[in-house]
Amino acid sequence: MATTASATTGASAKFATRTLGNSNLHLTPIGYGAWAIGGGNWEFAWGASDDNESIAAIERALDSGINWIDTAAIYGLGHSEEVVGKALKHRAQKPLVFTKCSMRWDANRQIHRSLKAKSIEEEVEASLRRLGVDAIDLYQIHWPNPEDEIEEGWETLAKFQEQGKVRYIGVSNFNVAQMKRIQRIAPITSLQPPYSLLRRDIEKEILPFCQENHIGVINYSPMVSGLLTGKMTAERVRNLPDDDWRRRSPNFQPPKLERNLALAEVLREIGRQHGVEPGVVAIAWTLRNPAITAAIVGARRPDQVYGVVPAATFRLSDGEAQRIEKWLAEHP
């Protein structure tokens, strides 16, 4: 992971940037995540969203110096990409735009998965149209499913790169064996895995492999989908909308919920000394790992952006990181 003073595309001099893998994309340490703004009424929804607030949140993030946005075709069944496209339509300085393929849906809003060439060809054209861009800066396979199609999917992405429809290609949620399989076809620019204080399984094999192979890593859910923001409470979890996927997540249910909220309080105590929110501390913890290039941070309202933007510059001290590790060891 290289660090430079400014970014080449949609950049702000406000934050130092990091080079993503083998690319010439220079990313601010945090990027805007557009999963939650997809709206409600689909399998992995966060409940309903206000599109005007979503657009205002994107504008606030970009005006604050964030220079990249990560979305996916499946978020809101195309709706997230449409909202991102609307937010960027009249901006003179565009951010880097990343999206993903492999998850499709039918007229009944039922999701299926395909990495067949024809399916991905349909997806990339639809994403280009919804986003209103001539080329996608980073196009990623969202999930390695169906697994027996990952080679065909990767060959298709490599073809798009040659055609100029996408600038760089990456994967999300792949393990080492799967990355080795597709490496034979074309280089991998980036991996997008989940990584947080509550999910550290990638530290053992995946992150070292990415470092050895110059694969950039953009981690998602550093705040565990809002759980470590300091804003979540047991009452708020009980009142989540029926179509909020977090209602089904074990991390949001007893007995894990109480332990996770207690961890958020530890992060609050650390953050209070620096005037930052618990979520900023959670994000900063992931950015301490040298294999991590940048972290995806979601926000559905402009005021939420204010709370997380400090994560672009805030860094934990060794002592603070050790305090967190000690608490985790004492509360397995």
C-alpha atoms as a PDB file:
ATOM      1  CA  MET A   1       0.000   0.000   0.000  1.00  0.00           C
ATOM      2  CA  ALA A   2       1.539   3.287  -1.107  1.00  0.00           C
ATOM      3  CA  THR A   3       0.568   6.663   0.274  1.00  0.00           C
ATOM      4  CA  THR A   4       0.673   9.930  -1.630  1.00  0.00           C
ATOM      5  CA  ALA A   5      -0.358  13.491  -0.914  1.00  0.00           C
ATOM      6  CA  SER A   6      -3.135  13.883  -3.449  1.00  0.00           C
ATOM      7  CA  ALA A   7      -5.401  11.838  -5.688  1.00  0.00           C
ATOM      8  CA  THR A   8      -5.536  11.923  -9.456  1.00  0.00           C
ATOM      9  CA  THR A   9      -9.277  11.659  -9.948  1.00  0.00           C
ATOM     10  CA  GLY A  10     -11.951  13.567  -8.050  1.00  0.00           C
ATOM     11  CA  ALA A  11      -9.269  14.354  -5.492  1.00  0.00           C
ATOM     12  CA  SER A  12      -9.046  16.640  -2.542  1.00  0.00           C
ATOM     13  CA  ALA A  13      -5.744  17.803  -1.080  1.00  0.00           C
ATOM     14  CA  LYS A  14      -7.392  17.617   2.328  1.00  0.00           C
ATOM     15  CA  PHE A  15      -6.608  13.928   2.934  1.00  0.00           C
ATOM     16  CA  ALA A  16      -3.522  11.882   2.128  1.00  0.00           C
ATOM     17  CA  THR A  17      -4.399   9.100  -0.284  1.00  0.00           C
ATOM     18  CA  ARG A  18      -3.399   5.486  -0.749  1.00  0.00           C
ATOM     19  CA  THR A  19      -2.762   3.694  -4.044  1.00  0.00           C
ATOM     20  CA  LEU A  20      -5.128   0.772  -4.654  1.00  0.00           C
ATOM     21  CA  GLY A  21      -3.201  -2.372  -5.506  1.00  0.00           C
ATOM     22  CA  ASN A  22      -1.703  -2.427  -9.004  1.00  0.00           C
ATOM     23  CA  SER A  23      -3.779   0.553 -10.176  1.00  0.00           C
ATOM     24  CA  ASN A  24      -3.202   4.280 -10.497  1.00  0.00           C
ATOM     25  CA  LEU A  25      -6.308   4.929  -8.381  1.00  0.00           C
ATOM     26  CA  HIS A  26      -5.461   7.015  -5.324  1.00  0.00           C
ATOM     27  CA  LEU A  27      -8.073   6.611  -2.607  1.00  0.00           C
ATOM     28  CA  THR A  28      -8.828   8.680   0.456  1.00  0.00           C
ATOM     29  CA  PRO A  29      -8.628   6.424   3.553  1.00  0.00           C
ATOM     30  CA  ILE A  30     -12.427   6.225   3.703  1.00  0.00           C
ATOM     31  CA  GLY A  31     -14.948   6.069   0.888  1.00  0.00           C
ATOM     32  CA  TYR A  32     -18.705   6.519   0.713  1.00  0.00           C
ATOM     33  CA  GLY A  33     -20.618   3.222   0.901  1.00  0.00           C
ATOM     34  CA  ALA A  34     -23.960   3.197  -0.902  1.00  0.00           C
ATOM     35  CA  TRP A  35     -25.539  -0.069   0.290  1.00  0.00           C
ATOM     36  CA  ALA A  36     -28.027   1.427   2.744  1.00  0.00           C
ATOM     37  CA  ILE A  37     -29.280   4.107   0.330  1.00  0.00           C
ATOM     38  CA  GLY A  38     -30.714   1.415  -1.944  1.00  0.00           C
ATOM     39  CA  GLY A  39     -34.004   1.786  -0.086  1.00  0.00           C
ATOM     40  CA  GLY A  40     -36.414  -0.829   1.242  1.00  0.00           C
ATOM     41  CA  ASN A  41     -38.411  -3.774  -0.051  1.00  0.00           C
ATOM     42  CA  TRP A  42     -35.638  -6.153  -1.019  1.00  0.00           C
ATOM     43  CA  GLU A  43     -33.876  -9.052   0.682  1.00  0.00           C
ATOM     44  CA  PHE A  44     -30.873  -7.162   2.107  1.00  0.00           C
ATOM     45  CA  ALA A  45     -32.526  -3.785   2.691  1.00  0.00           C
ATOM     46  CA  TRP A  46     -31.905  -1.401   5.578  1.00  0.00           C
ATOM     47  CA  GLY A  47     -35.486  -0.147   5.534  1.00  0.00           C
ATOM     48  CA  ALA A  48     -36.785   2.770   3.488  1.00  0.00           C
ATOM     49  CA  SER A  49     -34.511   5.675   2.557  1.00  0.00           C
ATOM     50  CA  ASP A  50     -35.185   9.251   1.467  1.00  0.00           C
ATOM     51  CA  ASP A  51     -33.456   9.742  -1.897  1.00  0.00           C
ATOM     52  CA  ASN A  52     -33.032  13.482  -1.356  1.00  0.00           C
ATOM     53  CA  GLU A  53     -31.287  12.859   1.958  1.00  0.00           C
ATOM     54  CA  SER A  54     -29.148  10.177   0.317  1.00  0.00           C
ATOM     55  CA  ILE A  55     -28.055  12.595  -2.405  1.00  0.00           C
ATOM     56  CA  ALA A  56     -27.331  15.262   0.197  1.00  0.00           C
ATOM     57  CA  ALA A  57     -25.230  12.729   2.147  1.00  0.00           C
ATOM     58  CA  ILE A  58     -23.207  11.881  -0.969  1.00  0.00           C
ATOM     59  CA  GLU A  59     -22.662  15.562  -1.712  1.00  0.00           C
ATOM     60  CA  ARG A  60     -21.580  16.200   1.890  1.00  0.00           C
ATOM     61  CA  ALA A  61     -19.107  13.291   1.743  1.00  0.00           C
ATOM     62  CA  LEU A  62     -17.556  14.530  -1.509  1.00  0.00           C
ATOM     63  CA  ASP A  63     -17.465  18.149  -0.331  1.00  0.00           C
ATOM     64  CA  SER A  64     -15.674  16.930   2.813  1.00  0.00           C
ATOM     65  CA  GLY A  65     -12.858  15.472   0.721  1.00  0.00           C
ATOM     66  CA  ILE A  66     -13.850  11.819   0.219  1.00  0.00           C
ATOM     67  CA  ASN A  67     -12.947  10.885  -3.354  1.00  0.00           C
ATOM     68  CA  TRP A  68     -14.596   7.518  -4.028  1.00  0.00           C
ATOM     69  CA  ILE A  69     -17.988   5.834  -3.856  1.00  0.00           C
ATOM     70  CA  ASP A  70     -18.658   2.106  -3.622  1.00  0.00           C
ATOM     71  CA  THR A  71     -22.020   0.702  -4.681  1.00  0.00           C
ATOM     72  CA  ALA A  72     -23.399  -2.448  -6.330  1.00  0.00           C
ATOM     73  CA  ALA A  73     -26.080  -3.251  -8.853  1.00  0.00           C
ATOM     74  CA  ILE A  74     -27.953  -5.342  -6.280  1.00  0.00           C
ATOM     75  CA  TYR A  75     -28.242  -2.560  -3.683  1.00  0.00           C
ATOM     76  CA  GLY A  76     -31.916  -1.680  -3.846  1.00  0.00           C
ATOM     77  CA  LEU A  77     -32.131  -3.728  -7.070  1.00  0.00           C
ATOM     78  CA  GLY A  78     -30.514  -0.975  -9.129  1.00  0.00           C
ATOM     79  CA  HIS A  79     -31.793   1.902  -7.020  1.00  0.00           C
ATOM     80  CA  SER A  80     -28.523   2.700  -5.232  1.00  0.00           C
ATOM     81  CA  GLU A  81     -26.708   3.097  -8.553  1.00  0.00           C
ATOM     82  CA  GLU A  82     -29.511   5.371  -9.788  1.00  0.00           C
ATOM     83  CA  VAL A  83     -29.232   7.581  -6.684  1.00  0.00           C
ATOM     84  CA  VAL A  84     -25.447   7.777  -7.061  1.00  0.00           C
ATOM     85  CA  GLY A  85     -25.911   8.714 -10.729  1.00  0.00           C
ATOM     86  CA  LYS A  86     -28.298  11.528  -9.797  1.00  0.00           C
ATOM     87  CA  ALA A  87     -25.924  12.830  -7.134  1.00  0.00           C
ATOM     88  CA  LEU A  88     -23.015  12.967  -9.589  1.00  0.00           C
ATOM     89  CA  LYS A  89     -24.871  14.239 -12.631  1.00  0.00           C
ATOM     90  CA  HIS A  90     -24.141  17.923 -12.129  1.00  0.00           C
ATOM     91  CA  ARG A  91     -20.837  17.716 -10.234  1.00  0.00           C
ATOM     92  CA  ALA A  92     -17.944  19.246 -12.132  1.00  0.00           C
ATOM     93  CA  GLN A  93     -15.383  17.158 -10.266  1.00  0.00           C
ATOM     94  CA  LYS A  94     -16.388  13.501 -10.246  1.00  0.00           C
ATOM     95  CA  PRO A  95     -15.278  10.976  -7.635  1.00  0.00           C
ATOM     96  CA  LEU A  96     -14.019   7.509  -8.436  1.00  0.00           C
ATOM     97  CA  VAL A  97     -16.998   5.159  -8.793  1.00  0.00           C
ATOM     98  CA  PHE A  98     -16.847   1.455  -7.907  1.00  0.00           C
ATOM     99  CA  THR A  99     -19.639  -1.070  -8.393  1.00  0.00           C
ATOM    100  CA  LYS A 100     -20.201  -4.826  -8.447  1.00  0.00           C
ATOM    101  CA  CYS A 101     -21.866  -7.615 -10.397  1.00  0.00           C
ATOM    102  CA  SER A 102     -23.061 -11.243  -9.978  1.00  0.00           C
ATOM    103  CA  MET A 103     -26.351 -10.771  -8.105  1.00  0.00           C
ATOM    104  CA  ARG A 104     -29.400 -10.450 -10.368  1.00  0.00           C
ATOM    105  CA  TRP A 105     -33.121 -10.108  -9.697  1.00  0.00           C
ATOM    106  CA  ASP A 106     -36.358 -10.948 -11.478  1.00  0.00           C
ATOM    107  CA  ALA A 107     -39.696  -9.179 -11.887  1.00  0.00           C
ATOM    108  CA  ASN A 108     -40.779 -10.499  -8.470  1.00  0.00           C
ATOM    109  CA  ARG A 109     -37.670  -8.963  -6.835  1.00  0.00           C
ATOM    110  CA  GLN A 110     -36.259 -12.416  -6.165  1.00  0.00           C
ATOM    111  CA  ILE A 111     -32.450 -12.588  -6.228  1.00  0.00           C
ATOM    112  CA  HIS A 112     -30.400 -15.133  -8.150  1.00  0.00           C
ATOM    113  CA  ARG A 113     -26.685 -15.294  -8.917  1.00  0.00           C
ATOM    114  CA  SER A 114     -24.802 -15.612 -12.187  1.00  0.00           C
ATOM    115  CA  LEU A 115     -21.249 -15.138 -13.422  1.00  0.00           C
ATOM    116  CA  LYS A 116     -22.014 -16.198 -16.978  1.00  0.00           C
ATOM    117  CA  ALA A 117     -20.552 -13.896 -19.625  1.00  0.00           C
ATOM    118  CA  LYS A 118     -23.928 -12.905 -21.083  1.00  0.00           C
ATOM    119  CA  SER A 119     -25.331 -12.080 -17.648  1.00  0.00           C
ATOM    120  CA  ILE A 120     -22.365  -9.878 -16.706  1.00  0.00           C
ATOM    121  CA  GLU A 121     -22.480  -8.158 -20.101  1.00  0.00           C
ATOM    122  CA  GLU A 122     -26.079  -7.178 -19.333  1.00  0.00           C
ATOM    123  CA  GLU A 123     -25.063  -6.038 -15.855  1.00  0.00           C
ATOM    124  CA  VAL A 124     -22.192  -3.789 -16.901  1.00  0.00           C
ATOM    125  CA  GLU A 125     -24.318  -2.005 -19.513  1.00  0.00           C
ATOM    126  CA  ALA A 126     -27.109  -1.471 -16.979  1.00  0.00           C
ATOM    127  CA  SER A 127     -24.666  -0.155 -14.360  1.00  0.00           C
ATOM    128  CA  LEU A 128     -23.049   2.263 -16.820  1.00  0.00           C
ATOM    129  CA  ARG A 129     -26.505   3.578 -17.698  1.00  0.00           C
ATOM    130  CA  ARG A 130     -27.743   3.937 -14.107  1.00  0.00           C
ATOM    131  CA  LEU A 131     -24.516   5.589 -12.931  1.00  0.00           C
ATOM    132  CA  GLY A 132     -24.349   7.887 -15.951  1.00  0.00           C
ATOM    133  CA  VAL A 133     -20.636   7.237 -16.536  1.00  0.00           C
ATOM    134  CA  ASP A 134     -18.630   6.279 -19.616  1.00  0.00           C
ATOM    135  CA  ALA A 135     -16.421   3.861 -17.665  1.00  0.00           C
ATOM    136  CA  ILE A 136     -16.517   2.287 -14.201  1.00  0.00           C
ATOM    137  CA  ASP A 137     -13.317   2.944 -12.236  1.00  0.00           C
ATOM    138  CA  LEU A 138     -13.381  -0.392 -10.396  1.00  0.00           C
ATOM    139  CA  TYR A 139     -15.711  -3.236 -11.378  1.00  0.00           C
ATOM    140  CA  GLN A 140     -15.917  -6.108  -8.904  1.00  0.00           C
ATOM    141  CA  ILE A 141     -17.382  -9.606  -8.715  1.00  0.00           C
ATOM    142  CA  HIS A 142     -19.626  -9.229  -5.690  1.00  0.00           C
ATOM    143  CA  TRP A 143     -19.658 -12.859  -4.509  1.00  0.00           C
ATOM    144  CA  PRO A 144     -17.863 -15.980  -5.785  1.00  0.00           C
ATOM    145  CA  ASN A 145     -21.213 -17.573  -6.581  1.00  0.00           C
ATOM    146  CA  PRO A 146     -21.824 -19.803  -8.461  1.00  0.00           C
ATOM    147  CA  GLU A 147     -18.287 -20.866  -7.638  1.00  0.00           C
ATOM    148  CA  ASP A 148     -17.901 -22.974 -10.769  1.00  0.00           C
ATOM    149  CA  GLU A 149     -18.445 -19.813 -12.852  1.00  0.00           C
ATOM    150  CA  ILE A 150     -15.788 -17.547 -11.306  1.00  0.00           C
ATOM    151  CA  GLU A 151     -13.288 -18.154 -14.125  1.00  0.00           C
ATOM    152  CA  GLU A 152     -15.884 -17.264 -16.762  1.00  0.00           C
ATOM    153  CA  GLY A 153     -16.879 -14.185 -14.789  1.00  0.00           C
ATOM    154  CA  TRP A 154     -13.285 -13.027 -14.373  1.00  0.00           C
ATOM    155  CA  GLU A 155     -12.523 -13.549 -18.061  1.00  0.00           C
ATOM    156  CA  THR A 156     -15.527 -11.351 -18.839  1.00  0.00           C
ATOM    157  CA  LEU A 157     -14.341  -8.582 -16.505  1.00  0.00           C
ATOM    158  CA  ALA A 158     -10.870  -8.723 -18.083  1.00  0.00           C
ATOM    159  CA  LYS A 159     -12.510  -8.292 -21.484  1.00  0.00           C
ATOM    160  CA  PHE A 160     -14.395  -5.210 -20.265  1.00  0.00           C
ATOM    161  CA  GLN A 161     -11.095  -3.781 -19.044  1.00  0.00           C
ATOM    162  CA  GLU A 162      -9.528  -4.285 -22.474  1.00  0.00           C
ATOM    163  CA  GLN A 163     -12.556  -2.584 -24.059  1.00  0.00           C
ATOM    164  CA  GLY A 164     -12.306   0.389 -21.692  1.00  0.00           C
ATOM    165  CA  LYS A 165     -15.747  -0.080 -20.141  1.00  0.00           C
ATOM    166  CA  VAL A 166     -14.032  -0.535 -16.769  1.00  0.00           C
ATOM    167  CA  ARG A 167     -10.636   0.787 -15.703  1.00  0.00           C
ATOM    168  CA  TYR A 168      -9.712  -1.834 -13.110  1.00  0.00           C
ATOM    169  CA  ILE A 169     -11.174  -5.120 -11.914  1.00  0.00           C
ATOM    170  CA  GLY A 170     -11.472  -6.610  -8.442  1.00  0.00           C
ATOM    171  CA  VAL A 171     -13.339  -9.118  -6.327  1.00  0.00           C
ATOM    172  CA  SER A 172     -15.374  -9.106  -3.131  1.00  0.00           C
ATOM    173  CA  ASN A 173     -15.772 -11.867  -0.541  1.00  0.00           C
ATOM    174  CA  PHE A 174     -13.258 -14.206  -2.248  1.00  0.00           C
ATOM    175  CA  ASN A 175     -10.963 -16.539  -0.323  1.00  0.00           C
ATOM    176  CA  VAL A 176      -7.310 -17.234  -1.165  1.00  0.00           C
ATOM    177  CA  ALA A 177      -7.991 -20.375  -3.193  1.00  0.00           C
ATOM    178  CA  GLN A 178     -10.555 -18.539  -5.322  1.00  0.00           C
ATOM    179  CA  MET A 179      -8.205 -15.611  -5.907  1.00  0.00           C
ATOM    180  CA  LYS A 180      -5.424 -17.989  -6.973  1.00  0.00           C
ATOM    181  CA  ARG A 181      -7.758 -19.567  -9.534  1.00  0.00           C
ATOM    182  CA  ILE A 182      -8.584 -16.303 -11.267  1.00  0.00           C
ATOM    183  CA  GLN A 183      -5.084 -14.817 -10.975  1.00  0.00           C
ATOM    184  CA  ARG A 184      -4.048 -17.162 -13.794  1.00  0.00           C
ATOM    185  CA  ILE A 185      -6.452 -15.277 -16.080  1.00  0.00           C
ATOM    186  CA  ALA A 186      -5.785 -11.622 -15.185  1.00  0.00           C
ATOM    187  CA  PRO A 187      -4.274  -9.642 -12.272  1.00  0.00           C
ATOM    188  CA  ILE A 188      -6.536  -8.734  -9.349  1.00  0.00           C
ATOM    189  CA  THR A 189      -6.469  -5.037  -8.469  1.00  0.00           C
ATOM    190  CA  SER A 190      -8.443  -5.301  -5.234  1.00  0.00           C
ATOM    191  CA  LEU A 191     -10.335  -7.414  -2.747  1.00  0.00           C
ATOM    192  CA  GLN A 192     -13.344  -6.179  -0.795  1.00  0.00           C
ATOM    193  CA  PRO A 193     -13.858  -8.248   2.379  1.00  0.00           C
ATOM    194  CA  PRO A 194     -15.727  -7.639   5.636  1.00  0.00           C
ATOM    195  CA  TYR A 195     -13.295  -6.546   8.342  1.00  0.00           C
ATOM    196  CA  SER A 196     -13.993  -5.097  11.758  1.00  0.00           C
ATOM    197  CA  LEU A 197     -13.369  -5.570  15.463  1.00  0.00           C
ATOM    198  CA  LEU A 198     -16.074  -8.242  15.371  1.00  0.00           C
ATOM    199  CA  ARG A 199     -14.902  -9.997  12.224  1.00  0.00           C
ATOM    200  CA  ARG A 200     -11.170 -10.656  11.961  1.00  0.00           C
ATOM    201  CA  ASP A 201     -10.959 -13.983  10.130  1.00  0.00           C
ATOM    202  CA  ILE A 202      -9.196 -12.407   7.112  1.00  0.00           C
ATOM    203  CA  GLU A 203      -6.131 -11.569   9.219  1.00  0.00           C
ATOM    204  CA  LYS A 204      -4.780 -15.135   9.120  1.00  0.00           C
ATOM    205  CA  GLU A 205      -4.484 -15.920   5.393  1.00  0.00           C
ATOM    206  CA  ILE A 206      -6.330 -13.427   3.199  1.00  0.00           C
ATOM    207  CA  LEU A 207      -4.610 -10.174   4.196  1.00  0.00           C
ATOM    208  CA  PRO A 208      -1.074 -11.652   4.013  1.00  0.00           C
ATOM    209  CA  PHE A 209      -1.889 -13.084   0.575  1.00  0.00           C
ATOM    210  CA  CYS A 210      -3.095  -9.682  -0.636  1.00  0.00           C
ATOM    211  CA  GLN A 211       0.064  -7.996   0.631  1.00  0.00           C
ATOM    212  CA  GLU A 212       2.301 -10.569  -1.042  1.00  0.00           C
ATOM    213  CA  ASN A 213       0.440 -10.197  -4.338  1.00  0.00           C
ATOM    214  CA  HIS A 214       0.040  -6.391  -4.341  1.00  0.00           C
ATOM    215  CA  ILE A 215      -3.744  -6.653  -4.154  1.00  0.00           C
ATOM    216  CA  GLY A 216      -5.404  -3.607  -2.613  1.00  0.00           C
ATOM    217  CA  VAL A 217      -7.936  -4.215   0.155  1.00  0.00           C
ATOM    218  CA  ILE A 218     -11.076  -2.136   0.667  1.00  0.00           C
ATOM    219  CA  ASN A 219     -12.822  -3.408   3.782  1.00  0.00           C
ATOM    220  CA  TYR A 220     -16.543  -3.103   4.259  1.00  0.00           C
ATOM    221  CA  SER A 221     -18.619  -2.830   7.454  1.00  0.00           C
ATOM    222  CA  PRO A 222     -15.825  -1.459   9.691  1.00  0.00           C
ATOM    223  CA  MET A 223     -18.562  -0.208  12.049  1.00  0.00           C
ATOM    224  CA  VAL A 224     -20.471  -3.508  11.731  1.00  0.00           C
ATOM    225  CA  SER A 225     -23.444  -1.977   9.929  1.00  0.00           C
ATOM    226  CA  GLY A 226     -23.950   0.709  12.555  1.00  0.00           C
ATOM    227  CA  LEU A 227     -23.454  -1.498  15.600  1.00  0.00           C
ATOM    228  CA  LEU A 228     -20.222   0.230  16.696  1.00  0.00           C
ATOM    229  CA  THR A 229     -21.266   3.795  15.900  1.00  0.00           C
ATOM    230  CA  GLY A 230     -22.303   4.473  19.484  1.00  0.00           C
ATOM    231  CA  LYS A 231     -25.802   5.316  18.214  1.00  0.00           C
ATOM    232  CA  MET A 232     -27.197   1.782  18.454  1.00  0.00           C
ATOM    233  CA  THR A 233     -29.149   0.627  21.495  1.00  0.00           C
ATOM    234  CA  ALA A 234     -31.145  -2.495  22.326  1.00  0.00           C
ATOM    235  CA  GLU A 235     -34.332  -0.434  21.983  1.00  0.00           C
ATOM    236  CA  ARG A 236     -33.301   0.859  18.565  1.00  0.00           C
ATOM    237  CA  VAL A 237     -32.567  -2.689  17.408  1.00  0.00           C
ATOM    238  CA  ARG A 238     -36.051  -3.775  18.544  1.00  0.00           C
ATOM    239  CA  ASN A 239     -37.552  -0.929  16.508  1.00  0.00           C
ATOM    240  CA  LEU A 240     -35.684  -1.583  13.262  1.00  0.00           C
ATOM    241  CA  PRO A 241     -38.040  -1.787  10.250  1.00  0.00           C
ATOM    242  CA  ASP A 242     -39.307  -5.236   9.308  1.00  0.00           C
ATOM    243  CA  ASP A 243     -37.339  -5.125   6.048  1.00  0.00           C
ATOM    244  CA  ASP A 244     -34.038  -4.203   7.749  1.00  0.00           C
ATOM    245  CA  TRP A 245     -31.725  -7.201   7.283  1.00  0.00           C
ATOM    246  CA  ARG A 246     -29.984  -6.431  10.583  1.00  0.00           C
ATOM    247  CA  ARG A 247     -32.983  -7.825  12.467  1.00  0.00           C
ATOM    248  CA  ARG A 248     -31.768 -11.270  11.300  1.00  0.00           C
ATOM    249  CA  SER A 249     -28.090 -10.747  12.145  1.00  0.00           C
ATOM    250  CA  PRO A 250     -26.727 -12.631  15.220  1.00  0.00           C
ATOM    251  CA  ASN A 251     -24.581  -9.604  16.089  1.00  0.00           C
ATOM    252  CA  PHE A 252     -27.779  -7.612  16.634  1.00  0.00           C
ATOM    253  CA  GLN A 253     -29.412 -10.275  18.832  1.00  0.00           C
ATOM    254  CA  PRO A 254     -28.786 -11.356  22.439  1.00  0.00           C
ATOM    255  CA  PRO A 255     -26.423 -12.492  23.819  1.00  0.00           C
ATOM    256  CA  LYS A 256     -23.993 -10.978  21.298  1.00  0.00           C
ATOM    257  CA  LEU A 257     -25.818  -7.638  21.200  1.00  0.00           C
ATOM    258  CA  GLU A 258     -25.049  -6.753  24.836  1.00  0.00           C
ATOM    259  CA  ARG A 259     -21.359  -7.569  24.415  1.00  0.00           C
ATOM    260  CA  ASN A 260     -21.135  -5.579  21.165  1.00  0.00           C
ATOM    261  CA  LEU A 261     -22.806  -2.527  22.691  1.00  0.00           C
ATOM    262  CA  ALA A 262     -20.351  -2.739  25.602  1.00  0.00           C
ATOM    263  CA  LEU A 263     -17.488  -2.688  23.085  1.00  0.00           C
ATOM    264  CA  ALA A 264     -19.004   0.440  21.518  1.00  0.00           C
ATOM    265  CA  GLU A 265     -18.796   2.078  24.971  1.00  0.00           C
ATOM    266  CA  VAL A 266     -15.083   1.285  25.171  1.00  0.00           C
ATOM    267  CA  LEU A 267     -14.670   2.937  21.766  1.00  0.00           C
ATOM    268  CA  ARG A 268     -16.675   5.911  23.033  1.00  0.00           C
ATOM    269  CA  GLU A 269     -14.296   6.376  25.974  1.00  0.00           C
ATOM    270  CA  ILE A 270     -11.286   6.348  23.650  1.00  0.00           C
ATOM    271  CA  GLY A 271     -12.928   8.648  21.132  1.00  0.00           C
ATOM    272  CA  ARG A 272     -14.049  11.134  23.774  1.00  0.00           C
ATOM    273  CA  GLN A 273     -10.422  12.007  24.510  1.00  0.00           C
ATOM    274  CA  HIS A 274      -9.997  13.092  20.883  1.00  0.00           C
ATOM    275  CA  GLY A 275     -13.433  14.555  20.218  1.00  0.00           C
ATOM    276  CA  VAL A 276     -14.464  11.780  17.817  1.00  0.00           C
ATOM    277  CA  GLU A 277     -17.361   9.335  17.819  1.00  0.00           C
ATOM    278  CA  PRO A 278     -17.043   5.596  18.601  1.00  0.00           C
ATOM    279  CA  GLY A 279     -17.523   4.724  14.928  1.00  0.00           C
ATOM    280  CA  VAL A 280     -14.429   6.724  14.013  1.00  0.00           C
ATOM    281  CA  VAL A 281     -12.407   4.655  16.475  1.00  0.00           C
ATOM    282  CA  ALA A 282     -13.813   1.422  14.981  1.00  0.00           C
ATOM    283  CA  ILE A 283     -12.855   2.545  11.463  1.00  0.00           C
ATOM    284  CA  ALA A 284      -9.409   3.689  12.594  1.00  0.00           C
ATOM    285  CA  TRP A 285      -8.775   0.277  14.132  1.00  0.00           C
ATOM    286  CA  THR A 286      -9.218  -1.388  10.705  1.00  0.00           C
ATOM    287  CA  LEU A 287      -7.006   1.199   8.995  1.00  0.00           C
ATOM    288  CA  ARG A 288      -4.137   0.350  11.364  1.00  0.00           C
ATOM    289  CA  ASN A 289      -3.621  -2.904   9.484  1.00  0.00           C
ATOM    290  CA  PRO A 290      -0.972  -2.277   6.781  1.00  0.00           C
ATOM    291  CA  ALA A 291      -2.791  -4.576   4.345  1.00  0.00           C
ATOM    292  CA  ILE A 292      -5.890  -2.341   4.345  1.00  0.00           C
ATOM    293  CA  THR A 293      -5.923   0.335   1.662  1.00  0.00           C
ATOM    294  CA  ALA A 294      -9.164   2.060   2.635  1.00  0.00           C
ATOM    295  CA  ALA A 295     -12.474   1.478   4.403  1.00  0.00           C
ATOM    296  CA  ILE A 296     -16.049   1.786   3.169  1.00  0.00           C
ATOM    297  CA  VAL A 297     -18.233   3.948   5.381  1.00  0.00           C
ATOM    298  CA  GLY A 298     -21.976   4.271   4.827  1.00  0.00           C
ATOM    299  CA  ALA A 299     -24.246   7.210   5.591  1.00  0.00           C
ATOM    300  CA  ARG A 300     -27.888   7.854   4.726  1.00  0.00           C
ATOM    301  CA  ARG A 301     -28.057  11.459   5.951  1.00  0.00           C
ATOM    302  CA  PRO A 302     -25.699  14.451   5.784  1.00  0.00           C
ATOM    303  CA  ASP A 303     -25.401  14.633   9.589  1.00  0.00           C
ATOM    304  CA  GLN A 304     -24.103  11.045   9.646  1.00  0.00           C
ATOM    305  CA  VAL A 305     -21.314  12.066   7.276  1.00  0.00           C
ATOM    306  CA  TYR A 306     -20.089  14.701   9.731  1.00  0.00           C
ATOM    307  CA  GLY A 307     -19.685  12.016  12.377  1.00  0.00           C
ATOM    308  CA  VAL A 308     -17.490   9.680  10.300  1.00  0.00           C
ATOM    309  CA  VAL A 309     -15.358  12.017   8.158  1.00  0.00           C
ATOM    310  CA  PRO A 310     -12.759  12.391  10.961  1.00  0.00           C
ATOM    311  CA  ALA A 311     -11.887   8.721  10.342  1.00  0.00           C
ATOM    312  CA  ALA A 312      -9.983   9.890   7.243  1.00  0.00           C
ATOM    313  CA  THR A 313      -7.312  11.380   9.487  1.00  0.00           C
ATOM    314  CA  PHE A 314      -7.779   9.990  13.026  1.00  0.00           C
ATOM    315  CA  ARG A 315      -5.316   7.276  14.041  1.00  0.00           C
ATOM    316  CA  LEU A 316      -5.222   5.157  17.181  1.00  0.00           C
ATOM    317  CA  SER A 317      -2.121   5.158  19.358  1.00  0.00           C
ATOM    318  CA  ASP A 318      -0.449   1.840  20.163  1.00  0.00           C
ATOM    319  CA  GLY A 319      -1.670   2.145  23.722  1.00  0.00           C
ATOM    320  CA  GLU A 320      -5.280   2.678  22.633  1.00  0.00           C
ATOM    321  CA  ALA A 321      -5.109  -0.273  20.249  1.00  0.00           C
ATOM    322  CA  GLN A 322      -3.707  -2.433  23.063  1.00  0.00           C
ATOM    323  CA  ARG A 323      -6.558  -1.345  25.338  1.00  0.00           C
ATOM    324  CA  ILE A 324      -9.070  -2.528  22.737  1.00  0.00           C
ATOM    325  CA  GLU A 325      -7.243  -5.834  22.261  1.00  0.00           C
ATOM    326  CA  LYS A 326      -7.190  -6.398  26.026  1.00  0.00           C
ATOM    327  CA  TRP A 327     -10.946  -5.793  26.260  1.00  0.00           C
ATOM    328  CA  LEU A 328     -11.627  -8.182  23.371  1.00  0.00           C
ATOM    329  CA  ALA A 329      -9.477 -10.876  24.994  1.00  0.00           C
ATOM    330  CA  GLU A 330     -11.371 -10.463  28.275  1.00  0.00           C
ATOM    331  CA  HIS A 331     -14.764 -10.560  26.520  1.00  0.00           C
ATOM    332  CA  PRO A 332     -14.474 -13.293  23.864  1.00  0.00           C
END
